[in-house]
Protein backbone atom coordinates (compact mmCIF):
# COMPACT_ATOMS: atom_id res chain seq x y z
CA MET A 1 143.95 106.86 208.29
CA VAL A 2 142.69 103.52 206.91
CA LEU A 3 140.78 101.45 209.48
CA GLY A 4 142.32 98.07 210.26
CA TYR A 5 140.89 94.70 211.26
CA LYS A 6 140.42 95.33 215.01
CA THR A 7 138.77 98.73 214.52
CA LEU A 8 136.56 97.40 211.75
CA LYS A 9 135.43 94.46 213.86
CA LYS A 10 134.65 96.71 216.82
CA LEU A 11 132.62 99.22 214.81
CA LEU A 12 130.80 96.56 212.83
CA SER A 13 129.79 94.78 216.04
CA LYS A 14 128.02 98.02 217.01
CA ASN A 15 126.18 98.20 213.67
CA LYS A 16 128.31 101.14 212.59
CA LEU A 17 129.74 101.29 209.05
CA ILE A 18 127.51 98.31 208.08
CA GLU A 19 124.39 97.19 209.93
CA ASN A 20 124.21 93.61 208.64
CA ALA A 21 127.91 92.81 208.45
CA ASN A 22 129.41 89.34 208.17
CA SER A 23 132.53 88.96 210.33
CA GLN A 24 134.00 86.55 207.78
CA ASN A 25 134.17 89.38 205.25
CA ILE A 26 136.50 91.49 207.39
CA HIS A 27 140.12 91.67 206.25
CA SER A 28 143.24 93.44 207.46
CA SER A 29 142.24 96.79 205.93
CA SER A 30 138.95 96.21 204.09
CA TYR A 31 135.53 94.59 204.07
CA ASP A 32 134.15 92.51 201.17
CA VAL A 33 130.65 93.53 200.06
CA THR A 34 128.34 90.94 198.53
CA VAL A 35 125.70 90.67 195.81
CA ASP A 36 122.00 90.75 196.77
CA LYS A 37 119.40 88.86 194.74
CA TYR A 38 118.65 91.76 192.39
CA ILE A 39 120.38 93.64 189.60
CA LEU A 40 119.28 96.51 187.38
CA LYS A 41 119.64 95.78 183.70
CA PHE A 42 119.88 98.64 181.21
CA LYS A 43 117.17 99.02 178.58
CA LYS A 44 118.24 100.64 175.32
CA ASN A 45 116.60 103.94 174.50
CA LYS A 46 116.30 104.97 170.86
CA GLU A 47 116.68 108.66 171.63
CA PRO A 48 119.32 110.50 173.69
CA ILE A 49 118.22 110.98 177.32
CA SER A 50 118.45 114.36 179.01
CA PHE A 51 119.88 114.40 182.55
CA ILE A 52 116.79 116.31 183.68
CA ASP A 53 114.35 113.79 182.18
CA ALA A 54 113.55 111.87 185.36
CA GLN A 55 110.87 109.81 183.65
CA GLU A 56 113.18 108.42 180.98
CA LEU A 57 116.08 107.99 183.42
CA ASN A 58 113.93 105.86 185.70
CA ASN A 59 112.49 103.89 182.80
CA MET A 60 115.89 102.88 181.45
CA TYR A 61 116.33 100.05 183.99
CA GLU A 62 114.76 96.62 184.33
CA GLU A 63 114.86 95.00 187.75
CA VAL A 64 115.97 91.35 187.49
CA ASN A 65 115.88 88.68 190.22
CA ILE A 66 119.15 86.72 189.98
CA THR A 67 118.39 83.99 192.52
CA GLU A 68 119.00 81.46 189.75
CA GLY A 69 121.98 83.43 188.45
CA TYR A 70 122.45 86.08 185.78
CA THR A 71 124.82 85.76 182.81
CA ILE A 72 126.66 88.99 182.10
CA LYS A 73 127.76 89.01 178.48
CA PRO A 74 130.91 90.52 176.95
CA GLY A 75 130.60 94.30 176.79
CA GLU A 76 127.52 94.37 179.03
CA THR A 77 127.08 96.76 181.95
CA ILE A 78 124.68 96.16 184.85
CA LEU A 79 123.97 97.64 188.28
CA VAL A 80 124.46 95.06 191.04
CA VAL A 81 122.49 95.64 194.25
CA LEU A 82 124.53 95.03 197.42
CA GLU A 83 123.32 93.07 200.45
CA GLU A 84 124.93 95.47 202.89
CA THR A 85 123.12 98.34 204.58
CA PHE A 86 125.64 101.08 205.30
CA ASN A 87 125.50 103.26 208.39
CA MET A 88 128.34 105.77 208.14
CA PRO A 89 129.39 107.74 211.25
CA ASN A 90 130.12 111.46 210.92
CA ASN A 91 133.90 111.00 211.14
CA ILE A 92 134.40 108.16 208.63
CA CYS A 93 134.18 107.96 204.85
CA GLY A 94 134.70 105.00 202.55
CA ALA A 95 135.53 103.90 199.02
CA ILE A 96 134.22 100.78 197.29
CA ARG A 97 136.44 99.31 194.60
CA GLY A 98 136.80 96.11 192.62
CA ARG A 99 138.51 92.95 193.81
CA THR A 100 141.72 91.74 192.19
CA SER A 101 140.25 88.32 191.37
CA LEU A 102 137.39 89.86 189.37
CA ASN A 103 139.64 92.42 187.70
CA ARG A 104 141.69 89.52 186.36
CA LEU A 105 138.57 88.07 184.78
CA GLY A 106 137.91 91.34 182.98
CA LEU A 107 135.05 92.37 185.26
CA ASN A 108 135.36 96.03 186.14
CA VAL A 109 133.56 97.47 189.20
CA ALA A 110 133.22 101.26 189.19
CA ILE A 111 134.53 103.04 192.28
CA GLN A 112 131.81 104.18 194.70
CA HIS A 113 132.30 106.81 197.42
CA LEU A 114 130.65 106.61 200.85
CA ASN A 115 130.05 109.96 202.53
CA PRO A 116 129.94 110.55 206.30
CA GLY A 117 126.30 110.37 207.42
CA PHE A 118 125.16 108.11 204.58
CA LYS A 119 122.72 105.36 205.48
CA GLY A 120 121.15 102.84 203.12
CA LYS A 121 121.89 100.26 200.45
CA LEU A 122 123.77 100.85 197.20
CA ASN A 123 124.30 99.29 193.82
CA LEU A 124 127.56 99.01 191.91
CA THR A 125 128.19 99.43 188.21
CA VAL A 126 129.77 96.25 186.85
CA THR A 127 131.06 96.00 183.27
CA ASN A 128 132.24 92.85 181.55
CA ASN A 129 135.30 93.92 179.55
CA SER A 130 136.33 90.37 178.66
CA ILE A 131 135.49 88.16 175.68
CA ASN A 132 133.77 85.64 177.97
CA SER A 133 130.40 85.50 179.73
CA TYR A 134 130.14 85.02 183.50
CA VAL A 135 127.34 83.96 185.82
CA ILE A 136 126.65 86.32 188.73
CA THR A 137 124.73 84.90 191.71
CA PRO A 138 123.73 86.22 195.14
CA LYS A 139 126.33 86.18 197.92
CA ILE A 140 129.31 86.66 195.57
CA GLN A 141 131.90 88.97 197.12
CA ILE A 142 131.80 91.52 194.34
CA ALA A 143 133.97 94.33 195.72
CA GLN A 144 135.85 95.61 198.75
CA VAL A 145 135.30 98.74 200.79
CA ILE A 146 138.07 100.73 202.46
CA PHE A 147 137.07 102.90 205.43
CA GLU A 148 139.07 105.98 206.40
CA LYS A 149 138.87 108.16 209.48
CA MET A 150 138.45 111.89 208.83
CA ASP A 151 140.84 114.40 210.39
CA LYS A 152 137.79 115.93 212.14
CA LYS A 153 134.16 115.02 212.68
CA VAL A 154 131.97 116.51 209.98
CA LYS A 155 129.53 119.12 211.28
CA LYS A 156 125.93 117.95 211.17
CA LYS A 157 124.89 120.45 208.49
CA TYR A 158 127.54 119.04 206.11
CA LEU A 159 126.64 115.36 206.54
CA TYR A 160 125.22 113.58 203.51
CA SER A 161 121.98 112.94 205.37
CA GLN A 162 121.43 116.69 205.78
CA GLN A 163 121.97 117.67 202.14
CA ILE A 164 119.06 118.79 199.98
CA LYS A 165 120.27 116.41 197.26
CA ALA A 166 120.78 113.32 199.45
CA SER A 167 119.12 111.31 196.69
CA TYR A 168 120.21 107.84 197.82
CA GLN A 169 119.80 108.23 201.58
CA ASN A 170 117.79 105.38 203.19
CA LYS A 171 117.18 103.73 199.80
CA ASP A 172 117.10 99.99 199.08
CA GLY A 173 119.73 99.98 196.34
CA LYS A 174 117.27 99.42 193.48
CA GLN A 175 117.44 103.00 192.23
CA GLY A 176 119.18 103.95 189.03
CA SER A 177 120.80 107.32 188.43
CA MET A 178 119.05 110.25 190.07
CA ILE A 179 121.29 112.84 188.46
CA TYR A 180 118.23 114.99 187.80
CA SER A 181 118.26 115.89 191.52
CA ASP A 182 121.41 117.93 190.81
CA TYR A 183 119.10 120.60 189.43
CA VAL A 184 117.32 121.09 192.76
CA GLY A 185 118.54 124.31 194.35
CA LYS A 186 119.74 125.76 191.04
CA VAL A 187 118.76 129.01 189.31
CA VAL A 188 117.39 128.79 185.76
CA ARG A 189 116.41 131.38 183.19
CA HIS A 190 113.29 131.26 181.03
CA PHE A 191 113.74 132.11 177.36
CA LYS A 192 111.72 135.31 177.94
CA GLY A 193 114.36 136.47 180.38
CA ASN A 194 113.07 135.86 183.90
CA TYR A 195 114.89 133.87 186.58
CA TYR A 196 113.56 131.02 188.69
CA TYR A 197 114.76 128.80 191.52
CA ILE A 198 114.13 125.04 191.35
CA GLU A 199 112.59 124.01 194.67
CA ASP A 200 112.13 120.28 194.06
CA ILE A 201 111.28 117.52 191.60
CA CYS A 202 108.16 115.48 192.38
CA MET A 203 105.73 113.05 190.73
CA ASP A 204 102.20 114.01 189.71
CA SER A 205 99.82 111.65 191.54
CA GLU A 206 97.37 111.53 188.61
CA THR A 207 99.61 111.32 185.55
CA MET A 208 102.67 109.79 187.29
CA GLU A 209 104.80 112.34 185.42
CA TYR A 210 107.80 113.99 187.01
CA THR A 211 107.15 117.65 187.71
CA ILE A 212 109.45 120.58 188.44
CA ILE A 213 108.48 122.80 191.39
CA TYR A 214 110.02 126.26 191.01
CA LYS A 215 109.56 129.82 192.22
CA ASN A 216 110.13 133.16 190.54
CA LEU A 217 113.02 135.39 191.59
CA TYR A 218 111.22 138.58 190.67
CA ASP A 219 108.00 140.30 191.71
CA ARG A 220 104.69 139.24 190.18
CA GLU A 221 101.15 139.32 191.52
CA ASP A 222 99.58 136.09 190.27
CA SER A 223 101.84 133.51 191.95
CA ASN A 224 105.30 132.95 193.37
CA VAL A 225 105.48 129.15 193.11
CA TRP A 226 104.93 127.15 189.91
CA ALA A 227 104.85 123.58 188.61
CA ARG A 228 105.63 122.32 185.13
CA PRO A 229 106.09 118.80 183.70
CA ALA A 230 109.79 117.95 183.64
CA LYS A 231 109.59 116.96 179.95
CA MET A 232 108.38 120.44 179.09
CA PHE A 233 110.66 122.29 181.49
CA PHE A 234 113.90 121.79 179.56
CA GLU A 235 112.41 121.07 176.14
CA GLU A 236 114.10 122.48 173.06
CA ILE A 237 112.67 125.64 171.47
CA ASP A 238 113.41 127.73 168.42
CA ALA A 239 116.26 130.08 169.31
CA LYS A 240 114.99 132.49 166.62
CA ARG A 241 111.38 132.81 167.80
CA LYS A 242 110.39 136.46 168.30
CA ASP A 243 109.75 136.26 172.05
CA ASN A 244 113.04 134.44 172.76
CA ILE A 245 114.94 137.49 173.93
CA THR A 246 117.79 135.44 175.39
CA GLY A 247 118.43 133.43 172.23
CA GLN A 248 118.63 130.21 174.23
CA SER A 249 117.74 126.83 172.74
CA HIS A 250 115.69 125.43 175.65
CA ARG A 251 112.62 126.68 177.52
CA PHE A 252 114.64 126.93 180.73
CA GLU A 253 118.41 126.83 181.02
CA LEU A 254 120.74 126.72 184.01
CA VAL A 255 122.20 130.13 184.79
CA ASN A 256 125.97 130.27 184.50
CA ASP A 257 126.27 133.93 183.58
CA LEU A 258 124.34 136.71 185.34
CA SER A 259 126.07 139.54 183.51
CA ILE A 260 122.85 140.42 181.66
CA ASP A 261 119.70 141.18 183.66
CA TYR A 262 116.92 140.22 181.27
CA THR A 263 114.25 140.91 183.90
CA LYS A 264 114.52 144.60 183.02
CA GLN A 265 113.34 143.76 179.51
CA ASN A 266 110.52 141.38 180.37
CA LYS A 267 108.52 141.19 183.59
CA ASN A 268 106.45 138.11 182.96
CA GLU A 269 107.16 134.61 181.71
């Protein structure tokens, strides 16, 4: 069920759905979200970027203050930070989508989903598909959000805030893609045949490099928990090297097929 004007106004007055809402942005079945004073501009990378390469993924954005306005050129894509701080109850979800007026200018806003339990700020992907340039400034109503009531309240353990990969929870909207967090909680196989579980991805305090924290899923005496630079973790290797008993092309690879138990062939990494 889509929430209407009266319900939206009531919830918003209680700082639910959005904590810093503007009553003038409430409509019959939606709320208009507005541009903050920052955007993230893409920086071109000469080489392809791996989804697990947190360092390169984070370095591909340039934060730009648009207080004086930002000109988005034809064919350009940017991430626009929103002013709103969302505070989603456990029985409501939402969808952010572009406004008709901007669609007719050739500005496309990618759809963004809001999960029950999410709290924080977001950014939206905006692409200029027209042949003209446009100036984007703070306070522009860039998109609209539709809120829908769930058929049942979501159990606490299933809320976005409780998930191990709640990458954008309580963030300020200035983060780019954190798709590398999808690997947390996954099983990988080393090219020598042993299996490991990715515990987390962190940053080395000395080198400022992203590091994979993982543990072995087999018995060994020296250690059960390990750390390796993210760049090295999924780096390409020679599939024909003598000790590569799996024939895989990367040091570690996600496990999609457990039909072969390589641990019987090799006990150590």
